[in-house]
C-alpha atoms as a PDB file:
ATOM      1  CA  MET A   1      21.169  -5.923  35.202  1.00  0.00           C
ATOM      2  CA  GLU A   2      20.972  -5.194  31.553  1.00  0.00           C
ATOM      3  CA  SER A   3      24.136  -3.195  29.795  1.00  0.00           C
ATOM      4  CA  ASN A   4      23.635   0.888  27.930  1.00  0.00           C
ATOM      5  CA  ALA A   5      25.604  -1.576  24.851  1.00  0.00           C
ATOM      6  CA  ASP A   6      22.359  -4.146  24.972  1.00  0.00           C
ATOM      7  CA  PHE A   7      19.798  -1.253  26.136  1.00  0.00           C
ATOM      8  CA  ALA A   8      20.588   0.356  22.790  1.00  0.00           C
ATOM      9  CA  LEU A   9      20.377  -2.176  20.895  1.00  0.00           C
ATOM     10  CA  ASP A  10      16.943  -2.664  21.635  1.00  0.00           C
ATOM     11  CA  GLN A  11      15.878   0.617  21.331  1.00  0.00           C
ATOM     12  CA  MET A  12      16.953   0.435  17.231  1.00  0.00           C
ATOM     13  CA  LEU A  13      15.924  -2.520  16.718  1.00  0.00           C
ATOM     14  CA  GLN A  14      12.404  -1.367  18.064  1.00  0.00           C
ATOM     15  CA  ARG A  15      12.660   1.782  15.753  1.00  0.00           C
ATOM     16  CA  ALA A  16      13.585  -0.762  12.866  1.00  0.00           C
ATOM     17  CA  ALA A  17      10.644  -2.906  13.670  1.00  0.00           C
ATOM     18  CA  ALA A  18       8.556  -0.033  14.006  1.00  0.00           C
ATOM     19  CA  SER A  19       9.800   1.854  10.199  1.00  0.00           C
ATOM     20  CA  MET A  20       9.276  -1.429   8.762  1.00  0.00           C
ATOM     21  CA  LEU A  21       5.707  -1.988  10.288  1.00  0.00           C
ATOM     22  CA  THR A  22       5.315   1.071   8.279  1.00  0.00           C
ATOM     23  CA  SER A  23       6.590   0.870   5.934  1.00  0.00           C
ATOM     24  CA  LEU A  24       4.420  -2.185   4.946  1.00  0.00           C
ATOM     25  CA  GLU A  25       1.782  -1.466   6.117  1.00  0.00           C
ATOM     26  CA  SER A  26       2.411   1.187   3.492  1.00  0.00           C
ATOM     27  CA  ALA A  27       2.715  -0.364   0.592  1.00  0.00           C
ATOM     28  CA  VAL A  28      -0.709  -2.395   0.871  1.00  0.00           C
ATOM     29  CA  ASP A  29      -2.034   1.082   0.862  1.00  0.00           C
ATOM     30  CA  VAL A  30      -0.857   1.304  -2.334  1.00  0.00           C
ATOM     31  CA  GLU A  31      -1.073  -1.838  -3.410  1.00  0.00           C
ATOM     32  CA  GLN A  32      -5.499  -1.625  -2.273  1.00  0.00           C
ATOM     33  CA  SER A  33      -4.919   1.515  -4.159  1.00  0.00           C
ATOM     34  CA  LEU A  34      -3.961   1.136  -7.125  1.00  0.00           C
ATOM     35  CA  ALA A  35      -5.925  -2.375  -6.960  1.00  0.00           C
ATOM     36  CA  GLU A  36      -8.851  -0.077  -6.919  1.00  0.00           C
ATOM     37  CA  LEU A  37      -7.971   1.577 -10.387  1.00  0.00           C
ATOM     38  CA  HIS A  38      -7.495  -0.904 -11.859  1.00  0.00           C
ATOM     39  CA  ARG A  39     -10.940  -2.284 -11.301  1.00  0.00           C
ATOM     40  CA  GLN A  40     -12.384   1.469 -11.736  1.00  0.00           C
ATOM     41  CA  ALA A  41     -10.456   1.395 -15.585  1.00  0.00           C
ATOM     42  CA  ALA A  42     -11.576  -2.087 -15.802  1.00  0.00           C
ATOM     43  CA  GLU A  43     -15.160  -0.787 -15.144  1.00  0.00           C
ATOM     44  CA  GLN A  44     -14.516   1.814 -17.260  1.00  0.00           C
ATOM     45  CA  GLN A  45     -13.742   0.040 -21.018  1.00  0.00           C
ATOM     46  CA  ALA A  46     -16.107  -2.436 -20.214  1.00  0.00           C
ATOM     47  CA  ASP A  47     -18.715   0.594 -20.620  1.00  0.00           C
ATOM     48  CA  ALA A  48     -17.446   2.404 -23.162  1.00  0.00           C
ATOM     49  CA  ASP A  49     -17.684  -1.216 -24.942  1.00  0.00           C
ATOM     50  CA  GLU A  50     -20.960  -2.205 -24.799  1.00  0.00           C
ATOM     51  CA  PRO A  51     -22.730  -2.407 -27.553  1.00  0.00           C
ATOM     52  CA  GLY A  52     -24.445   1.096 -28.508  1.00  0.00           C
ATOM     53  CA  ARG A  53     -22.768   3.673 -25.662  1.00  0.00           C
ATOM     54  CA  THR A  54     -21.259   6.639 -26.643  1.00  0.00           C
ATOM     55  CA  PRO A  55     -17.652   7.008 -25.337  1.00  0.00           C
ATOM     56  CA  ALA A  56     -17.253   9.337 -21.987  1.00  0.00           C
ATOM     57  CA  ARG A  57     -15.113  12.638 -23.041  1.00  0.00           C
END
């Protein structure tokens, strides 16, 4: 039978693992959002660099 200390440690490890997973998912979300913003900025810059095109204000 598992002792109370072992059970408490298992619970803490499970909570820590869940917290780490949430943090990693958040980091991936931020990275994907930044990549999308970078893509949009690059498209806007490419559009602005086209000859004969009036820059949007």
